[in-house]
Amino acid sequence: MNYIEIIGFIAAFLTTAAFLPQVYQTWKTKDVSGLSLPMLILFFIGVLIWLVYGFLKDSPSMIFANSITVISFFLLIYFKFKYTKSK
């Protein structure tokens, strides 16, 4: 692994980790009122495109980060629908 890929993994870790507190807070509080569905959908499309780009460039850091972020997105969408219906 070269230094460029190491920098990519550091950036991937930080940007992915930045998303996780929102997932955790939403799970703990069950408050989805601050989650914008259009923003989540646009964000998801962007992440999917980054994931495809990572595969095309054969970039492990991009694939790793965006795969984790896709999972986080699905959790937030799940919470958005589950906790909105229960009110």
PDB file of N, CA and C in Angstrom:
ATOM      1  N   MET A   1       0.858  -1.177   0.000  1.00  0.00           N
ATOM      2  CA  MET A   1       0.000   0.000   0.000  1.00  0.00           C
ATOM      3  C   MET A   1       0.903   1.238   0.000  1.00  0.00           C
ATOM      4  N   ASN A   2       0.631   2.146  -0.906  1.00  0.00           N
ATOM      5  CA  ASN A   2       1.458   3.348  -0.990  1.00  0.00           C
ATOM      6  C   ASN A   2       0.886   4.480  -0.132  1.00  0.00           C
ATOM      7  N   TYR A   3       1.654   5.546  -0.019  1.00  0.00           N
ATOM      8  CA  TYR A   3       1.246   6.652   0.858  1.00  0.00           C
ATOM      9  C   TYR A   3      -0.038   7.332   0.381  1.00  0.00           C
ATOM     10  N   ILE A   4      -0.292   7.327  -0.901  1.00  0.00           N
ATOM     11  CA  ILE A   4      -1.520   7.955  -1.411  1.00  0.00           C
ATOM     12  C   ILE A   4      -2.742   7.181  -0.914  1.00  0.00           C
ATOM     13  N   GLU A   5      -2.650   5.865  -0.938  1.00  0.00           N
ATOM     14  CA  GLU A   5      -3.765   5.047  -0.458  1.00  0.00           C
ATOM     15  C   GLU A   5      -3.913   5.175   1.056  1.00  0.00           C
ATOM     16  N   ILE A   6      -2.812   5.356   1.770  1.00  0.00           N
ATOM     17  CA  ILE A   6      -2.877   5.577   3.225  1.00  0.00           C
ATOM     18  C   ILE A   6      -3.602   6.883   3.524  1.00  0.00           C
ATOM     19  N   ILE A   7      -3.279   7.925   2.775  1.00  0.00           N
ATOM     20  CA  ILE A   7      -3.985   9.206   2.929  1.00  0.00           C
ATOM     21  C   ILE A   7      -5.469   9.005   2.626  1.00  0.00           C
ATOM     22  N   GLY A   8      -5.764   8.227   1.596  1.00  0.00           N
ATOM     23  CA  GLY A   8      -7.157   7.937   1.250  1.00  0.00           C
ATOM     24  C   GLY A   8      -7.890   7.223   2.370  1.00  0.00           C
ATOM     25  N   PHE A   9      -7.228   6.260   3.015  1.00  0.00           N
ATOM     26  CA  PHE A   9      -7.856   5.547   4.124  1.00  0.00           C
ATOM     27  C   PHE A   9      -8.097   6.465   5.318  1.00  0.00           C
ATOM     28  N   ILE A  10      -7.161   7.365   5.587  1.00  0.00           N
ATOM     29  CA  ILE A  10      -7.355   8.312   6.695  1.00  0.00           C
ATOM     30  C   ILE A  10      -8.559   9.209   6.403  1.00  0.00           C
ATOM     31  N   ALA A  11      -8.618   9.741   5.188  1.00  0.00           N
ATOM     32  CA  ALA A  11      -9.753  10.590   4.801  1.00  0.00           C
ATOM     33  C   ALA A  11     -11.052   9.789   4.834  1.00  0.00           C
ATOM     34  N   ALA A  12     -10.999   8.565   4.347  1.00  0.00           N
ATOM     35  CA  ALA A  12     -12.187   7.710   4.337  1.00  0.00           C
ATOM     36  C   ALA A  12     -12.673   7.443   5.750  1.00  0.00           C
ATOM     37  N   PHE A  13     -11.758   7.147   6.642  1.00  0.00           N
ATOM     38  CA  PHE A  13     -12.129   6.880   8.027  1.00  0.00           C
ATOM     39  C   PHE A  13     -12.785   8.100   8.661  1.00  0.00           C
ATOM     40  N   LEU A  14     -12.177   9.265   8.478  1.00  0.00           N
ATOM     41  CA  LEU A  14     -12.703  10.480   9.107  1.00  0.00           C
ATOM     42  C   LEU A  14     -14.066  10.874   8.550  1.00  0.00           C
ATOM     43  N   THR A  15     -14.231  10.828   7.237  1.00  0.00           N
ATOM     44  CA  THR A  15     -15.519  11.243   6.668  1.00  0.00           C
ATOM     45  C   THR A  15     -16.618  10.227   6.971  1.00  0.00           C
ATOM     46  N   THR A  16     -16.259   8.960   7.026  1.00  0.00           N
ATOM     47  CA  THR A  16     -17.245   7.944   7.391  1.00  0.00           C
ATOM     48  C   THR A  16     -17.598   8.046   8.861  1.00  0.00           C
ATOM     49  N   ALA A  17     -16.596   8.233   9.700  1.00  0.00           N
ATOM     50  CA  ALA A  17     -16.825   8.354  11.144  1.00  0.00           C
ATOM     51  C   ALA A  17     -17.684   9.574  11.459  1.00  0.00           C
ATOM     52  N   ALA A  18     -17.578  10.622  10.664  1.00  0.00           N
ATOM     53  CA  ALA A  18     -18.367  11.832  10.900  1.00  0.00           C
ATOM     54  C   ALA A  18     -19.861  11.562  10.753  1.00  0.00           C
ATOM     55  N   PHE A  19     -20.229  10.580   9.977  1.00  0.00           N
ATOM     56  CA  PHE A  19     -21.631  10.247   9.725  1.00  0.00           C
ATOM     57  C   PHE A  19     -22.221   9.383  10.839  1.00  0.00           C
ATOM     58  N   LEU A  20     -21.393   8.615  11.506  1.00  0.00           N
ATOM     59  CA  LEU A  20     -21.872   7.644  12.495  1.00  0.00           C
ATOM     60  C   LEU A  20     -22.544   8.254  13.729  1.00  0.00           C
ATOM     61  N   PRO A  21     -22.097   9.405  14.255  1.00  0.00           N
ATOM     62  CA  PRO A  21     -22.809   9.980  15.401  1.00  0.00           C
ATOM     63  C   PRO A  21     -24.278  10.300  15.109  1.00  0.00           C
ATOM     64  N   GLN A  22     -24.581  10.679  13.875  1.00  0.00           N
ATOM     65  CA  GLN A  22     -25.982  10.943  13.511  1.00  0.00           C
ATOM     66  C   GLN A  22     -26.797   9.661  13.569  1.00  0.00           C
ATOM     67  N   VAL A  23     -26.220   8.585  13.083  1.00  0.00           N
ATOM     68  CA  VAL A  23     -26.903   7.288  13.139  1.00  0.00           C
ATOM     69  C   VAL A  23     -27.148   6.899  14.594  1.00  0.00           C
ATOM     70  N   TYR A  24     -26.129   7.033  15.417  1.00  0.00           N
ATOM     71  CA  TYR A  24     -26.242   6.664  16.830  1.00  0.00           C
ATOM     72  C   TYR A  24     -27.279   7.529  17.551  1.00  0.00           C
ATOM     73  N   GLN A  25     -27.206   8.841  17.335  1.00  0.00           N
ATOM     74  CA  GLN A  25     -28.145   9.751  18.002  1.00  0.00           C
ATOM     75  C   GLN A  25     -29.583   9.455  17.582  1.00  0.00           C
ATOM     76  N   THR A  26     -29.791   9.207  16.304  1.00  0.00           N
ATOM     77  CA  THR A  26     -31.135   8.899  15.818  1.00  0.00           C
ATOM     78  C   THR A  26     -31.642   7.601  16.434  1.00  0.00           C
ATOM     79  N   TRP A  27     -30.778   6.617  16.528  1.00  0.00           N
ATOM     80  CA  TRP A  27     -31.146   5.330  17.125  1.00  0.00           C
ATOM     81  C   TRP A  27     -31.501   5.494  18.599  1.00  0.00           C
ATOM     82  N   LYS A  28     -30.704   6.265  19.337  1.00  0.00           N
ATOM     83  CA  LYS A  28     -30.932   6.431  20.775  1.00  0.00           C
ATOM     84  C   LYS A  28     -32.169   7.280  21.068  1.00  0.00           C
ATOM     85  N   THR A  29     -32.335   8.387  20.360  1.00  0.00           N
ATOM     86  CA  THR A  29     -33.424   9.319  20.662  1.00  0.00           C
ATOM     87  C   THR A  29     -34.715   8.985  19.911  1.00  0.00           C
ATOM     88  N   LYS A  30     -34.585   8.245  18.834  1.00  0.00           N
ATOM     89  CA  LYS A  30     -35.719   7.932  17.959  1.00  0.00           C
ATOM     90  C   LYS A  30     -36.371   9.198  17.391  1.00  0.00           C
ATOM     91  N   ASP A  31     -35.596  10.275  17.356  1.00  0.00           N
ATOM     92  CA  ASP A  31     -36.073  11.552  16.823  1.00  0.00           C
ATOM     93  C   ASP A  31     -35.551  11.713  15.399  1.00  0.00           C
ATOM     94  N   VAL A  32     -36.449  11.652  14.438  1.00  0.00           N
ATOM     95  CA  VAL A  32     -36.068  11.780  13.035  1.00  0.00           C
ATOM     96  C   VAL A  32     -36.557  13.097  12.434  1.00  0.00           C
ATOM     97  N   SER A  33     -37.072  13.978  13.272  1.00  0.00           N
ATOM     98  CA  SER A  33     -37.645  15.228  12.764  1.00  0.00           C
ATOM     99  C   SER A  33     -36.611  16.090  12.049  1.00  0.00           C
ATOM    100  N   GLY A  34     -35.361  15.972  12.411  1.00  0.00           N
ATOM    101  CA  GLY A  34     -34.318  16.779  11.780  1.00  0.00           C
ATOM    102  C   GLY A  34     -33.711  16.148  10.542  1.00  0.00           C
ATOM    103  N   LEU A  35     -34.165  14.956  10.188  1.00  0.00           N
ATOM    104  CA  LEU A  35     -33.614  14.278   9.011  1.00  0.00           C
ATOM    105  C   LEU A  35     -34.435  14.635   7.780  1.00  0.00           C
ATOM    106  N   SER A  36     -33.790  15.234   6.810  1.00  0.00           N
ATOM    107  CA  SER A  36     -34.449  15.616   5.566  1.00  0.00           C
ATOM    108  C   SER A  36     -34.356  14.456   4.576  1.00  0.00           C
ATOM    109  N   LEU A  37     -35.500  13.931   4.162  1.00  0.00           N
ATOM    110  CA  LEU A  37     -35.515  12.822   3.211  1.00  0.00           C
ATOM    111  C   LEU A  37     -34.877  13.204   1.870  1.00  0.00           C
ATOM    112  N   PRO A  38     -35.180  14.387   1.297  1.00  0.00           N
ATOM    113  CA  PRO A  38     -34.504  14.751   0.042  1.00  0.00           C
ATOM    114  C   PRO A  38     -32.976  14.818   0.192  1.00  0.00           C
ATOM    115  N   MET A  39     -32.491  15.340   1.316  1.00  0.00           N
ATOM    116  CA  MET A  39     -31.049  15.394   1.538  1.00  0.00           C
ATOM    117  C   MET A  39     -30.472  13.992   1.611  1.00  0.00           C
ATOM    118  N   LEU A  40     -31.145  13.097   2.334  1.00  0.00           N
ATOM    119  CA  LEU A  40     -30.653  11.728   2.460  1.00  0.00           C
ATOM    120  C   LEU A  40     -30.602  11.029   1.103  1.00  0.00           C
ATOM    121  N   ILE A  41     -31.610  11.249   0.280  1.00  0.00           N
ATOM    122  CA  ILE A  41     -31.648  10.610  -1.039  1.00  0.00           C
ATOM    123  C   ILE A  41     -30.538  11.149  -1.938  1.00  0.00           C
ATOM    124  N   LEU A  42     -30.367  12.466  -1.960  1.00  0.00           N
ATOM    125  CA  LEU A  42     -29.282  13.052  -2.759  1.00  0.00           C
ATOM    126  C   LEU A  42     -27.918  12.577  -2.264  1.00  0.00           C
ATOM    127  N   PHE A  43     -27.752  12.533  -0.960  1.00  0.00           N
ATOM    128  CA  PHE A  43     -26.510  12.062  -0.370  1.00  0.00           C
ATOM    129  C   PHE A  43     -26.247  10.614  -0.780  1.00  0.00           C
ATOM    130  N   PHE A  44     -27.278   9.779  -0.724  1.00  0.00           N
ATOM    131  CA  PHE A  44     -27.147   8.368  -1.087  1.00  0.00           C
ATOM    132  C   PHE A  44     -26.725   8.204  -2.546  1.00  0.00           C
ATOM    133  N   ILE A  45     -27.333   8.967  -3.432  1.00  0.00           N
ATOM    134  CA  ILE A  45     -26.965   8.898  -4.850  1.00  0.00           C
ATOM    135  C   ILE A  45     -25.494   9.264  -5.023  1.00  0.00           C
ATOM    136  N   GLY A  46     -25.067  10.327  -4.348  1.00  0.00           N
ATOM    137  CA  GLY A  46     -23.662  10.728  -4.411  1.00  0.00           C
ATOM    138  C   GLY A  46     -22.729   9.655  -3.889  1.00  0.00           C
ATOM    139  N   VAL A  47     -23.087   9.046  -2.776  1.00  0.00           N
ATOM    140  CA  VAL A  47     -22.256   7.988  -2.193  1.00  0.00           C
ATOM    141  C   VAL A  47     -22.193   6.780  -3.130  1.00  0.00           C
ATOM    142  N   LEU A  48     -23.317   6.425  -3.737  1.00  0.00           N
ATOM    143  CA  LEU A  48     -23.308   5.309  -4.690  1.00  0.00           C
ATOM    144  C   LEU A  48     -22.382   5.594  -5.869  1.00  0.00           C
ATOM    145  N   ILE A  49     -22.418   6.818  -6.355  1.00  0.00           N
ATOM    146  CA  ILE A  49     -21.539   7.183  -7.473  1.00  0.00           C
ATOM    147  C   ILE A  49     -20.078   7.116  -7.034  1.00  0.00           C
ATOM    148  N   TRP A  50     -19.766   7.593  -5.819  1.00  0.00           N
ATOM    149  CA  TRP A  50     -18.401   7.476  -5.290  1.00  0.00           C
ATOM    150  C   TRP A  50     -17.999   6.011  -5.154  1.00  0.00           C
ATOM    151  N   LEU A  51     -18.926   5.166  -4.749  1.00  0.00           N
ATOM    152  CA  LEU A  51     -18.634   3.740  -4.601  1.00  0.00           C
ATOM    153  C   LEU A  51     -18.308   3.113  -5.960  1.00  0.00           C
ATOM    154  N   VAL A  52     -19.109   3.419  -6.967  1.00  0.00           N
ATOM    155  CA  VAL A  52     -18.834   2.928  -8.322  1.00  0.00           C
ATOM    156  C   VAL A  52     -17.473   3.440  -8.790  1.00  0.00           C
ATOM    157  N   TYR A  53     -17.208   4.706  -8.566  1.00  0.00           N
ATOM    158  CA  TYR A  53     -15.922   5.299  -8.936  1.00  0.00           C
ATOM    159  C   TYR A  53     -14.776   4.571  -8.236  1.00  0.00           C
ATOM    160  N   GLY A  54     -14.954   4.263  -6.958  1.00  0.00           N
ATOM    161  CA  GLY A  54     -13.931   3.538  -6.214  1.00  0.00           C
ATOM    162  C   GLY A  54     -13.647   2.175  -6.822  1.00  0.00           C
ATOM    163  N   PHE A  55     -14.703   1.472  -7.241  1.00  0.00           N
ATOM    164  CA  PHE A  55     -14.502   0.175  -7.899  1.00  0.00           C
ATOM    165  C   PHE A  55     -13.805   0.345  -9.245  1.00  0.00           C
ATOM    166  N   LEU A  56     -14.213   1.363 -10.005  1.00  0.00           N
ATOM    167  CA  LEU A  56     -13.594   1.594 -11.313  1.00  0.00           C
ATOM    168  C   LEU A  56     -12.122   1.971 -11.190  1.00  0.00           C
ATOM    169  N   LYS A  57     -11.785   2.714 -10.141  1.00  0.00           N
ATOM    170  CA  LYS A  57     -10.391   3.119  -9.901  1.00  0.00           C
ATOM    171  C   LYS A  57      -9.626   2.075  -9.094  1.00  0.00           C
ATOM    172  N   ASP A  58     -10.310   1.022  -8.659  1.00  0.00           N
ATOM    173  CA  ASP A  58      -9.721  -0.018  -7.815  1.00  0.00           C
ATOM    174  C   ASP A  58      -9.070   0.611  -6.580  1.00  0.00           C
ATOM    175  N   SER A  59      -9.851   1.459  -5.911  1.00  0.00           N
ATOM    176  CA  SER A  59      -9.375   2.187  -4.731  1.00  0.00           C
ATOM    177  C   SER A  59      -9.992   1.599  -3.467  1.00  0.00           C
ATOM    178  N   PRO A  60      -9.218   0.813  -2.717  1.00  0.00           N
ATOM    179  CA  PRO A  60      -9.756   0.208  -1.494  1.00  0.00           C
ATOM    180  C   PRO A  60     -10.307   1.228  -0.501  1.00  0.00           C
ATOM    181  N   SER A  61      -9.660   2.381  -0.385  1.00  0.00           N
ATOM    182  CA  SER A  61     -10.136   3.374   0.584  1.00  0.00           C
ATOM    183  C   SER A  61     -11.510   3.918   0.201  1.00  0.00           C
ATOM    184  N   MET A  62     -11.728   4.182  -1.075  1.00  0.00           N
ATOM    185  CA  MET A  62     -13.041   4.673  -1.520  1.00  0.00           C
ATOM    186  C   MET A  62     -14.106   3.599  -1.363  1.00  0.00           C
ATOM    187  N   ILE A  63     -13.750   2.379  -1.699  1.00  0.00           N
ATOM    188  CA  ILE A  63     -14.703   1.272  -1.579  1.00  0.00           C
ATOM    189  C   ILE A  63     -15.081   1.065  -0.117  1.00  0.00           C
ATOM    190  N   PHE A  64     -14.090   1.070   0.756  1.00  0.00           N
ATOM    191  CA  PHE A  64     -14.322   0.883   2.189  1.00  0.00           C
ATOM    192  C   PHE A  64     -15.229   1.977   2.750  1.00  0.00           C
ATOM    193  N   ALA A  65     -14.838   3.223   2.538  1.00  0.00           N
ATOM    194  CA  ALA A  65     -15.575   4.348   3.122  1.00  0.00           C
ATOM    195  C   ALA A  65     -17.008   4.401   2.623  1.00  0.00           C
ATOM    196  N   ASN A  66     -17.180   4.276   1.332  1.00  0.00           N
ATOM    197  CA  ASN A  66     -18.518   4.424   0.780  1.00  0.00           C
ATOM    198  C   ASN A  66     -19.398   3.214   1.062  1.00  0.00           C
ATOM    199  N   SER A  67     -18.811   2.048   1.228  1.00  0.00           N
ATOM    200  CA  SER A  67     -19.594   0.877   1.637  1.00  0.00           C
ATOM    201  C   SER A  67     -20.142   1.066   3.043  1.00  0.00           C
ATOM    202  N   ILE A  68     -19.303   1.542   3.956  1.00  0.00           N
ATOM    203  CA  ILE A  68     -19.743   1.805   5.332  1.00  0.00           C
ATOM    204  C   ILE A  68     -20.802   2.903   5.340  1.00  0.00           C
ATOM    205  N   THR A  69     -20.608   3.931   4.522  1.00  0.00           N
ATOM    206  CA  THR A  69     -21.557   5.035   4.475  1.00  0.00           C
ATOM    207  C   THR A  69     -22.900   4.581   3.903  1.00  0.00           C
ATOM    208  N   VAL A  70     -22.891   3.690   2.924  1.00  0.00           N
ATOM    209  CA  VAL A  70     -24.145   3.144   2.384  1.00  0.00           C
ATOM    210  C   VAL A  70     -24.908   2.411   3.486  1.00  0.00           C
ATOM    211  N   ILE A  71     -24.200   1.634   4.294  1.00  0.00           N
ATOM    212  CA  ILE A  71     -24.841   0.932   5.410  1.00  0.00           C
ATOM    213  C   ILE A  71     -25.430   1.940   6.395  1.00  0.00           C
ATOM    214  N   SER A  72     -24.677   2.988   6.709  1.00  0.00           N
ATOM    215  CA  SER A  72     -25.170   4.034   7.611  1.00  0.00           C
ATOM    216  C   SER A  72     -26.410   4.703   7.043  1.00  0.00           C
ATOM    217  N   PHE A  73     -26.388   4.956   5.740  1.00  0.00           N
ATOM    218  CA  PHE A  73     -27.542   5.564   5.082  1.00  0.00           C
ATOM    219  C   PHE A  73     -28.780   4.683   5.253  1.00  0.00           C
ATOM    220  N   PHE A  74     -28.630   3.385   4.994  1.00  0.00           N
ATOM    221  CA  PHE A  74     -29.779   2.485   5.124  1.00  0.00           C
ATOM    222  C   PHE A  74     -30.313   2.460   6.551  1.00  0.00           C
ATOM    223  N   LEU A  75     -29.430   2.566   7.523  1.00  0.00           N
ATOM    224  CA  LEU A  75     -29.888   2.642   8.914  1.00  0.00           C
ATOM    225  C   LEU A  75     -30.707   3.907   9.146  1.00  0.00           C
ATOM    226  N   LEU A  76     -30.213   5.042   8.651  1.00  0.00           N
ATOM    227  CA  LEU A  76     -30.954   6.299   8.834  1.00  0.00           C
ATOM    228  C   LEU A  76     -32.302   6.263   8.117  1.00  0.00           C
ATOM    229  N   ILE A  77     -32.335   5.722   6.912  1.00  0.00           N
ATOM    230  CA  ILE A  77     -33.607   5.616   6.184  1.00  0.00           C
ATOM    231  C   ILE A  77     -34.566   4.697   6.936  1.00  0.00           C
ATOM    232  N   TYR A  78     -34.052   3.592   7.436  1.00  0.00           N
ATOM    233  CA  TYR A  78     -34.872   2.673   8.230  1.00  0.00           C
ATOM    234  C   TYR A  78     -35.449   3.400   9.442  1.00  0.00           C
ATOM    235  N   PHE A  79     -34.588   4.129  10.162  1.00  0.00           N
ATOM    236  CA  PHE A  79     -35.048   4.881  11.335  1.00  0.00           C
ATOM    237  C   PHE A  79     -36.058   5.947  10.928  1.00  0.00           C
ATOM    238  N   LYS A  80     -35.809   6.613   9.814  1.00  0.00           N
ATOM    239  CA  LYS A  80     -36.698   7.685   9.350  1.00  0.00           C
ATOM    240  C   LYS A  80     -38.118   7.143   9.165  1.00  0.00           C
ATOM    241  N   PHE A  81     -38.246   6.000   8.517  1.00  0.00           N
ATOM    242  CA  PHE A  81     -39.578   5.445   8.280  1.00  0.00           C
ATOM    243  C   PHE A  81     -40.151   4.774   9.524  1.00  0.00           C
ATOM    244  N   LYS A  82     -39.336   4.080  10.272  1.00  0.00           N
ATOM    245  CA  LYS A  82     -39.822   3.391  11.468  1.00  0.00           C
ATOM    246  C   LYS A  82     -40.303   4.381  12.524  1.00  0.00           C
ATOM    247  N   TYR A  83     -39.522   5.396  12.812  1.00  0.00           N
ATOM    248  CA  TYR A  83     -39.858   6.319  13.891  1.00  0.00           C
ATOM    249  C   TYR A  83     -40.841   7.395  13.460  1.00  0.00           C
ATOM    250  N   THR A  84     -40.985   7.648  12.167  1.00  0.00           N
ATOM    251  CA  THR A  84     -42.001   8.583  11.698  1.00  0.00           C
ATOM    252  C   THR A  84     -43.380   7.941  11.799  1.00  0.00           C
ATOM    253  N   LYS A  85     -43.495   6.671  11.484  1.00  0.00           N
ATOM    254  CA  LYS A  85     -44.778   5.968  11.527  1.00  0.00           C
ATOM    255  C   LYS A  85     -45.282   5.776  12.948  1.00  0.00           C
ATOM    256  N   SER A  86     -44.380   5.687  13.903  1.00  0.00           N
ATOM    257  CA  SER A  86     -44.802   5.386  15.275  1.00  0.00           C
ATOM    258  C   SER A  86     -45.328   6.609  16.020  1.00  0.00           C
ATOM    259  N   LYS A  87     -45.362   7.768  15.378  1.00  0.00           N
ATOM    260  CA  LYS A  87     -45.860   8.977  16.043  1.00  0.00           C
ATOM    261  C   LYS A  87     -47.316   9.189  15.748  1.00  0.00           C
TER     262      LYS A  87
END
